[in-house]
All heavy atoms as atom14 arrays in JSON, in Angstrom:
{
  "sequence": "IYSWLYHATNNGSNIRLAQYLFEGLYLATQLIVFAIY",
  "atom14_mask": [
    [1, 1, 1, 1, 1, 1, 1, 1, 0, 0, 0, 0, 0, 0],
    [1, 1, 1, 1, 1, 1, 1, 1, 1, 1, 1, 1, 0, 0],
    [1, 1, 1, 1, 1, 1, 0, 0, 0, 0, 0, 0, 0, 0],
    [1, 1, 1, 1, 1, 1, 1, 1, 1, 1, 1, 1, 1, 1],
    [1, 1, 1, 1, 1, 1, 1, 1, 0, 0, 0, 0, 0, 0],
    [1, 1, 1, 1, 1, 1, 1, 1, 1, 1, 1, 1, 0, 0],
    [1, 1, 1, 1, 1, 1, 1, 1, 1, 1, 0, 0, 0, 0],
    [1, 1, 1, 1, 1, 0, 0, 0, 0, 0, 0, 0, 0, 0],
    [1, 1, 1, 1, 1, 1, 1, 0, 0, 0, 0, 0, 0, 0],
    [1, 1, 1, 1, 1, 1, 1, 1, 0, 0, 0, 0, 0, 0],
    [1, 1, 1, 1, 1, 1, 1, 1, 0, 0, 0, 0, 0, 0],
    [1, 1, 1, 1, 0, 0, 0, 0, 0, 0, 0, 0, 0, 0],
    [1, 1, 1, 1, 1, 1, 0, 0, 0, 0, 0, 0, 0, 0],
    [1, 1, 1, 1, 1, 1, 1, 1, 0, 0, 0, 0, 0, 0],
    [1, 1, 1, 1, 1, 1, 1, 1, 0, 0, 0, 0, 0, 0],
    [1, 1, 1, 1, 1, 1, 1, 1, 1, 1, 1, 0, 0, 0],
    [1, 1, 1, 1, 1, 1, 1, 1, 0, 0, 0, 0, 0, 0],
    [1, 1, 1, 1, 1, 0, 0, 0, 0, 0, 0, 0, 0, 0],
    [1, 1, 1, 1, 1, 1, 1, 1, 1, 0, 0, 0, 0, 0],
    [1, 1, 1, 1, 1, 1, 1, 1, 1, 1, 1, 1, 0, 0],
    [1, 1, 1, 1, 1, 1, 1, 1, 0, 0, 0, 0, 0, 0],
    [1, 1, 1, 1, 1, 1, 1, 1, 1, 1, 1, 0, 0, 0],
    [1, 1, 1, 1, 1, 1, 1, 1, 1, 0, 0, 0, 0, 0],
    [1, 1, 1, 1, 0, 0, 0, 0, 0, 0, 0, 0, 0, 0],
    [1, 1, 1, 1, 1, 1, 1, 1, 0, 0, 0, 0, 0, 0],
    [1, 1, 1, 1, 1, 1, 1, 1, 1, 1, 1, 1, 0, 0],
    [1, 1, 1, 1, 1, 1, 1, 1, 0, 0, 0, 0, 0, 0],
    [1, 1, 1, 1, 1, 0, 0, 0, 0, 0, 0, 0, 0, 0],
    [1, 1, 1, 1, 1, 1, 1, 0, 0, 0, 0, 0, 0, 0],
    [1, 1, 1, 1, 1, 1, 1, 1, 1, 0, 0, 0, 0, 0],
    [1, 1, 1, 1, 1, 1, 1, 1, 0, 0, 0, 0, 0, 0],
    [1, 1, 1, 1, 1, 1, 1, 1, 0, 0, 0, 0, 0, 0],
    [1, 1, 1, 1, 1, 1, 1, 0, 0, 0, 0, 0, 0, 0],
    [1, 1, 1, 1, 1, 1, 1, 1, 1, 1, 1, 0, 0, 0],
    [1, 1, 1, 1, 1, 0, 0, 0, 0, 0, 0, 0, 0, 0],
    [1, 1, 1, 1, 1, 1, 1, 1, 0, 0, 0, 0, 0, 0],
    [1, 1, 1, 1, 1, 1, 1, 1, 1, 1, 1, 1, 0, 0]
  ],
  "atom14_positions": [
    [[0.83, -1.21, 0.0], [0.0, 0.0, 0.0], [0.86, 1.25, 0.0], [0.61, 2.2, -0.76], [-0.95, -0.02, 1.21], [-2.03, -1.07, 0.99], [-1.58, 1.36, 1.43], [-2.96, -1.27, 2.16], [0.0, 0.0, 0.0], [0.0, 0.0, 0.0], [0.0, 0.0, 0.0], [0.0, 0.0, 0.0], [0.0, 0.0, 0.0], [0.0, 0.0, 0.0]],
    [[1.9, 1.27, 0.81], [2.75, 2.46, 0.84], [3.69, 2.53, -0.35], [4.16, 3.62, -0.69], [3.49, 2.55, 2.18], [2.64, 3.24, 3.22], [1.67, 2.53, 3.92], [2.76, 4.6, 3.47], [0.85, 3.16, 4.85], [1.96, 5.24, 4.39], [1.0, 4.52, 5.08], [0.19, 5.17, 5.99], [0.0, 0.0, 0.0], [0.0, 0.0, 0.0]],
    [[3.92, 1.42, -1.02], [4.63, 1.48, -2.3], [3.77, 2.19, -3.33], [4.28, 2.99, -4.14], [4.98, 0.06, -2.78], [5.95, -0.54, -1.95], [0.0, 0.0, 0.0], [0.0, 0.0, 0.0], [0.0, 0.0, 0.0], [0.0, 0.0, 0.0], [0.0, 0.0, 0.0], [0.0, 0.0, 0.0], [0.0, 0.0, 0.0], [0.0, 0.0, 0.0]],
    [[2.48, 1.88, -3.31], [1.56, 2.58, -4.21], [1.53, 4.07, -3.88], [1.57, 4.92, -4.79], [0.15, 2.0, -4.1], [-0.83, 2.73, -4.96], [-1.04, 2.56, -6.3], [-1.7, 3.79, -4.55], [-2.0, 3.45, -6.74], [-2.42, 4.21, -5.69], [-1.94, 4.42, -3.33], [-3.37, 5.22, -5.63], [-2.89, 5.43, -3.28], [-3.59, 5.83, -4.42]],
    [[1.47, 4.4, -2.59], [1.5, 5.8, -2.19], [2.81, 6.47, -2.58], [2.83, 7.66, -2.94], [1.27, 5.92, -0.67], [-0.14, 5.65, -0.17], [-0.17, 5.55, 1.35], [-1.1, 6.72, -0.66], [0.0, 0.0, 0.0], [0.0, 0.0, 0.0], [0.0, 0.0, 0.0], [0.0, 0.0, 0.0], [0.0, 0.0, 0.0], [0.0, 0.0, 0.0]],
    [[3.89, 5.72, -2.53], [5.21, 6.23, -2.94], [5.16, 6.69, -4.4], [5.62, 7.79, -4.75], [6.25, 5.13, -2.75], [7.66, 5.49, -3.15], [8.54, 6.08, -2.24], [8.14, 5.23, -4.44], [9.84, 6.4, -2.59], [9.44, 5.54, -4.8], [10.28, 6.12, -3.87], [11.58, 6.43, -4.24], [0.0, 0.0, 0.0], [0.0, 0.0, 0.0]],
    [[4.6, 5.85, -5.26], [4.5, 6.21, -6.68], [3.48, 7.33, -6.9], [3.72, 8.25, -7.7], [4.1, 4.98, -7.5], [5.18, 3.95, -7.61], [6.43, 4.22, -8.14], [5.19, 2.63, -7.27], [7.17, 3.13, -8.11], [6.45, 2.15, -7.59], [0.0, 0.0, 0.0], [0.0, 0.0, 0.0], [0.0, 0.0, 0.0], [0.0, 0.0, 0.0]],
    [[2.34, 7.26, -6.18], [1.27, 8.23, -6.38], [1.67, 9.63, -5.95], [1.15, 10.63, -6.47], [0.01, 7.79, -5.63], [0.0, 0.0, 0.0], [0.0, 0.0, 0.0], [0.0, 0.0, 0.0], [0.0, 0.0, 0.0], [0.0, 0.0, 0.0], [0.0, 0.0, 0.0], [0.0, 0.0, 0.0], [0.0, 0.0, 0.0], [0.0, 0.0, 0.0]],
    [[2.61, 9.74, -5.02], [3.0, 11.04, -4.46], [4.4, 11.48, -4.92], [5.1, 12.17, -4.19], [2.95, 11.01, -2.92], [3.82, 9.98, -2.44], [1.53, 10.74, -2.44], [0.0, 0.0, 0.0], [0.0, 0.0, 0.0], [0.0, 0.0, 0.0], [0.0, 0.0, 0.0], [0.0, 0.0, 0.0], [0.0, 0.0, 0.0], [0.0, 0.0, 0.0]],
    [[4.79, 11.01, -6.1], [6.08, 11.41, -6.66], [7.22, 11.04, -5.72], [7.96, 11.9, -5.22], [6.09, 12.91, -6.98], [7.32, 13.33, -7.8], [7.93, 12.5, -8.49], [7.69, 14.6, -7.71], [0.0, 0.0, 0.0], [0.0, 0.0, 0.0], [0.0, 0.0, 0.0], [0.0, 0.0, 0.0], [0.0, 0.0, 0.0], [0.0, 0.0, 0.0]],
    [[7.34, 9.75, -5.49], [8.37, 9.21, -4.6], [8.26, 9.73, -3.16], [9.26, 9.89, -2.46], [9.77, 9.5, -5.15], [9.99, 8.89, -6.52], [9.29, 7.95, -6.91], [10.96, 9.42, -7.24], [0.0, 0.0, 0.0], [0.0, 0.0, 0.0], [0.0, 0.0, 0.0], [0.0, 0.0, 0.0], [0.0, 0.0, 0.0], [0.0, 0.0, 0.0]],
    [[7.03, 10.03, -2.78], [6.78, 10.48, -1.42], [6.97, 11.96, -1.18], [6.78, 12.44, -0.07], [0.0, 0.0, 0.0], [0.0, 0.0, 0.0], [0.0, 0.0, 0.0], [0.0, 0.0, 0.0], [0.0, 0.0, 0.0], [0.0, 0.0, 0.0], [0.0, 0.0, 0.0], [0.0, 0.0, 0.0], [0.0, 0.0, 0.0], [0.0, 0.0, 0.0]],
    [[7.33, 12.7, -2.22], [7.64, 14.12, -2.05], [6.41, 15.02, -2.04], [6.43, 16.11, -1.47], [8.59, 14.59, -3.16], [7.98, 14.48, -4.42], [0.0, 0.0, 0.0], [0.0, 0.0, 0.0], [0.0, 0.0, 0.0], [0.0, 0.0, 0.0], [0.0, 0.0, 0.0], [0.0, 0.0, 0.0], [0.0, 0.0, 0.0], [0.0, 0.0, 0.0]],
    [[5.32, 14.57, -2.66], [4.1, 15.38, -2.73], [3.22, 15.06, -1.51], [2.24, 14.33, -1.6], [3.34, 15.08, -4.02], [2.23, 16.09, -4.29], [1.8, 16.8, -3.38], [1.75, 16.14, -5.51], [0.0, 0.0, 0.0], [0.0, 0.0, 0.0], [0.0, 0.0, 0.0], [0.0, 0.0, 0.0], [0.0, 0.0, 0.0], [0.0, 0.0, 0.0]],
    [[3.59, 15.63, -0.4], [2.89, 15.33, 0.86], [1.47, 15.89, 0.84], [0.56, 15.28, 1.41], [3.69, 15.89, 2.04], [5.05, 15.16, 2.14], [2.92, 15.72, 3.35], [5.97, 15.69, 3.2], [0.0, 0.0, 0.0], [0.0, 0.0, 0.0], [0.0, 0.0, 0.0], [0.0, 0.0, 0.0], [0.0, 0.0, 0.0], [0.0, 0.0, 0.0]],
    [[1.26, 17.0, 0.18], [-0.09, 17.57, 0.12], [-1.05, 16.59, -0.56], [-2.18, 16.4, -0.11], [-0.06, 18.91, -0.62], [-1.42, 19.61, -0.76], [-2.12, 19.79, 0.59], [-1.34, 20.54, 1.55], [-1.33, 21.86, 1.65], [-2.07, 22.59, 0.82], [-0.61, 22.46, 2.56], [0.0, 0.0, 0.0], [0.0, 0.0, 0.0], [0.0, 0.0, 0.0]],
    [[-0.6, 15.94, -1.63], [-1.44, 14.94, -2.28], [-1.71, 13.77, -1.34], [-2.82, 13.25, -1.27], [-0.78, 14.43, -3.57], [-1.52, 13.31, -4.3], [-2.94, 13.73, -4.66], [-0.75, 12.89, -5.56], [0.0, 0.0, 0.0], [0.0, 0.0, 0.0], [0.0, 0.0, 0.0], [0.0, 0.0, 0.0], [0.0, 0.0, 0.0], [0.0, 0.0, 0.0]],
    [[-0.69, 13.38, -0.59], [-0.88, 12.3, 0.4], [-1.95, 12.7, 1.42], [-2.79, 11.87, 1.81], [0.44, 11.99, 1.1], [0.0, 0.0, 0.0], [0.0, 0.0, 0.0], [0.0, 0.0, 0.0], [0.0, 0.0, 0.0], [0.0, 0.0, 0.0], [0.0, 0.0, 0.0], [0.0, 0.0, 0.0], [0.0, 0.0, 0.0], [0.0, 0.0, 0.0]],
    [[-1.94, 13.96, 1.83], [-2.95, 14.42, 2.78], [-4.35, 14.33, 2.19], [-5.3, 13.93, 2.87], [-2.65, 15.86, 3.2], [-1.41, 16.0, 4.08], [-1.16, 17.45, 4.47], [-0.5, 18.2, 3.75], [-1.71, 17.85, 5.61], [0.0, 0.0, 0.0], [0.0, 0.0, 0.0], [0.0, 0.0, 0.0], [0.0, 0.0, 0.0], [0.0, 0.0, 0.0]],
    [[-4.49, 14.7, 0.93], [-5.79, 14.59, 0.28], [-6.23, 13.13, 0.17], [-7.42, 12.8, 0.33], [-5.77, 15.24, -1.1], [-5.72, 16.75, -1.07], [-4.83, 17.46, -1.88], [-6.56, 17.48, -0.24], [-4.77, 18.85, -1.84], [-6.52, 18.87, -0.19], [-5.61, 19.55, -1.0], [-5.57, 20.92, -0.97], [0.0, 0.0, 0.0], [0.0, 0.0, 0.0]],
    [[-5.3, 12.25, -0.11], [-5.63, 10.82, -0.17], [-6.08, 10.32, 1.2], [-7.01, 9.51, 1.3], [-4.42, 10.02, -0.66], [-4.02, 10.24, -2.13], [-2.7, 9.54, -2.44], [-5.12, 9.73, -3.06], [0.0, 0.0, 0.0], [0.0, 0.0, 0.0], [0.0, 0.0, 0.0], [0.0, 0.0, 0.0], [0.0, 0.0, 0.0], [0.0, 0.0, 0.0]],
    [[-5.43, 10.81, 2.25], [-5.84, 10.4, 3.59], [-7.15, 11.05, 4.0], [-7.87, 10.5, 4.84], [-4.72, 10.67, 4.6], [-3.77, 9.52, 4.74], [-2.76, 9.32, 3.81], [-3.91, 8.6, 5.77], [-1.89, 8.25, 3.91], [-3.05, 7.53, 5.88], [-2.03, 7.35, 4.95], [0.0, 0.0, 0.0], [0.0, 0.0, 0.0], [0.0, 0.0, 0.0]],
    [[-7.47, 12.2, 3.43], [-8.81, 12.74, 3.65], [-9.85, 11.8, 3.05], [-10.88, 11.52, 3.67], [-8.96, 14.13, 3.03], [-10.39, 14.66, 3.19], [-10.62, 16.0, 2.52], [-9.69, 16.53, 1.9], [-11.75, 16.5, 2.62], [0.0, 0.0, 0.0], [0.0, 0.0, 0.0], [0.0, 0.0, 0.0], [0.0, 0.0, 0.0], [0.0, 0.0, 0.0]],
    [[-9.56, 11.29, 1.86], [-10.46, 10.32, 1.25], [-10.6, 9.07, 2.12], [-11.7, 8.53, 2.28], [0.0, 0.0, 0.0], [0.0, 0.0, 0.0], [0.0, 0.0, 0.0], [0.0, 0.0, 0.0], [0.0, 0.0, 0.0], [0.0, 0.0, 0.0], [0.0, 0.0, 0.0], [0.0, 0.0, 0.0], [0.0, 0.0, 0.0], [0.0, 0.0, 0.0]],
    [[-9.48, 8.63, 2.69], [-9.52, 7.47, 3.59], [-10.35, 7.78, 4.83], [-11.14, 6.94, 5.28], [-8.09, 7.09, 3.99], [-7.95, 5.96, 5.0], [-8.39, 4.64, 4.4], [-6.49, 5.85, 5.49], [0.0, 0.0, 0.0], [0.0, 0.0, 0.0], [0.0, 0.0, 0.0], [0.0, 0.0, 0.0], [0.0, 0.0, 0.0], [0.0, 0.0, 0.0]],
    [[-10.19, 8.98, 5.38], [-10.95, 9.39, 6.56], [-12.45, 9.35, 6.26], [-13.23, 8.79, 7.04], [-10.52, 10.79, 6.98], [-11.28, 11.33, 8.17], [-10.77, 11.19, 9.46], [-12.5, 11.98, 8.02], [-11.46, 11.68, 10.56], [-13.2, 12.47, 9.11], [-12.68, 12.32, 10.37], [-13.38, 12.81, 11.46], [0.0, 0.0, 0.0], [0.0, 0.0, 0.0]],
    [[-12.84, 9.92, 5.13], [-14.27, 9.98, 4.78], [-14.82, 8.58, 4.51], [-15.94, 8.26, 4.92], [-14.48, 10.89, 3.57], [-14.15, 12.37, 3.78], [-14.22, 13.12, 2.46], [-15.09, 12.99, 4.8], [0.0, 0.0, 0.0], [0.0, 0.0, 0.0], [0.0, 0.0, 0.0], [0.0, 0.0, 0.0], [0.0, 0.0, 0.0], [0.0, 0.0, 0.0]],
    [[-14.03, 7.75, 3.82], [-14.48, 6.38, 3.54], [-14.64, 5.6, 4.83], [-15.59, 4.82, 4.99], [-13.48, 5.69, 2.6], [0.0, 0.0, 0.0], [0.0, 0.0, 0.0], [0.0, 0.0, 0.0], [0.0, 0.0, 0.0], [0.0, 0.0, 0.0], [0.0, 0.0, 0.0], [0.0, 0.0, 0.0], [0.0, 0.0, 0.0], [0.0, 0.0, 0.0]],
    [[-13.72, 5.8, 5.77], [-13.82, 5.12, 7.06], [-15.05, 5.58, 7.83], [-15.78, 4.76, 8.4], [-12.55, 5.37, 7.9], [-11.4, 4.92, 7.18], [-12.63, 4.66, 9.23], [0.0, 0.0, 0.0], [0.0, 0.0, 0.0], [0.0, 0.0, 0.0], [0.0, 0.0, 0.0], [0.0, 0.0, 0.0], [0.0, 0.0, 0.0], [0.0, 0.0, 0.0]],
    [[-15.29, 6.88, 7.82], [-16.48, 7.4, 8.49], [-17.75, 6.81, 7.88], [-18.68, 6.45, 8.6], [-16.53, 8.93, 8.4], [-15.46, 9.66, 9.19], [-15.72, 9.63, 10.69], [-15.74, 8.57, 11.3], [-15.92, 10.79, 11.29], [0.0, 0.0, 0.0], [0.0, 0.0, 0.0], [0.0, 0.0, 0.0], [0.0, 0.0, 0.0], [0.0, 0.0, 0.0]],
    [[-17.78, 6.69, 6.57], [-18.96, 6.12, 5.9], [-19.19, 4.68, 6.35], [-20.32, 4.29, 6.65], [-18.77, 6.19, 4.39], [-19.9, 5.57, 3.55], [-21.22, 6.29, 3.81], [-19.54, 5.64, 2.06], [0.0, 0.0, 0.0], [0.0, 0.0, 0.0], [0.0, 0.0, 0.0], [0.0, 0.0, 0.0], [0.0, 0.0, 0.0], [0.0, 0.0, 0.0]],
    [[-18.12, 3.89, 6.41], [-18.26, 2.5, 6.84], [-18.7, 2.42, 8.29], [-19.57, 1.62, 8.66], [-16.93, 1.74, 6.62], [-16.65, 1.59, 5.12], [-16.97, 0.38, 7.29], [-15.31, 0.95, 4.81], [0.0, 0.0, 0.0], [0.0, 0.0, 0.0], [0.0, 0.0, 0.0], [0.0, 0.0, 0.0], [0.0, 0.0, 0.0], [0.0, 0.0, 0.0]],
    [[-18.12, 3.27, 9.15], [-18.5, 3.26, 10.56], [-19.95, 3.7, 10.72], [-20.71, 3.12, 11.52], [-17.55, 4.15, 11.38], [-18.05, 4.27, 12.82], [-16.14, 3.58, 11.37], [0.0, 0.0, 0.0], [0.0, 0.0, 0.0], [0.0, 0.0, 0.0], [0.0, 0.0, 0.0], [0.0, 0.0, 0.0], [0.0, 0.0, 0.0], [0.0, 0.0, 0.0]],
    [[-20.38, 4.7, 9.95], [-21.79, 5.09, 9.99], [-22.67, 3.91, 9.6], [-23.73, 3.68, 10.2], [-22.05, 6.25, 9.03], [-21.49, 7.58, 9.48], [-21.45, 8.66, 8.61], [-20.99, 7.76, 10.76], [-20.94, 9.88, 9.0], [-20.48, 8.99, 11.17], [-20.46, 10.05, 10.29], [0.0, 0.0, 0.0], [0.0, 0.0, 0.0], [0.0, 0.0, 0.0]],
    [[-22.25, 3.17, 8.58], [-23.03, 2.0, 8.15], [-23.11, 0.96, 9.25], [-24.14, 0.29, 9.42], [-22.4, 1.4, 6.89], [0.0, 0.0, 0.0], [0.0, 0.0, 0.0], [0.0, 0.0, 0.0], [0.0, 0.0, 0.0], [0.0, 0.0, 0.0], [0.0, 0.0, 0.0], [0.0, 0.0, 0.0], [0.0, 0.0, 0.0], [0.0, 0.0, 0.0]],
    [[-22.01, 0.79, 10.01], [-22.03, -0.13, 11.15], [-23.02, 0.36, 12.2], [-23.86, -0.4, 12.71], [-20.62, -0.26, 11.76], [-19.69, -0.99, 10.77], [-20.66, -1.0, 13.1], [-18.23, -0.99, 11.2], [0.0, 0.0, 0.0], [0.0, 0.0, 0.0], [0.0, 0.0, 0.0], [0.0, 0.0, 0.0], [0.0, 0.0, 0.0], [0.0, 0.0, 0.0]],
    [[-22.96, 1.64, 12.54], [-23.85, 2.21, 13.55], [-25.31, 2.14, 13.1], [-26.22, 2.02, 13.94], [-23.46, 3.66, 13.83], [-22.38, 3.81, 14.88], [-21.16, 3.15, 14.79], [-22.57, 4.63, 15.99], [-20.18, 3.29, 15.74], [-21.59, 4.79, 16.97], [-20.39, 4.1, 16.83], [-19.41, 4.25, 17.8], [0.0, 0.0, 0.0], [0.0, 0.0, 0.0]]
  ]
}
């Protein structure tokens, strides 16, 4: 997974893009947890 993130963020240098990807992860996790609740 982090190898994919390595490529997606220009060898890890584009941290802002990584943050946006983790925002997507945050929202997806919230959606799943809401579905559980």
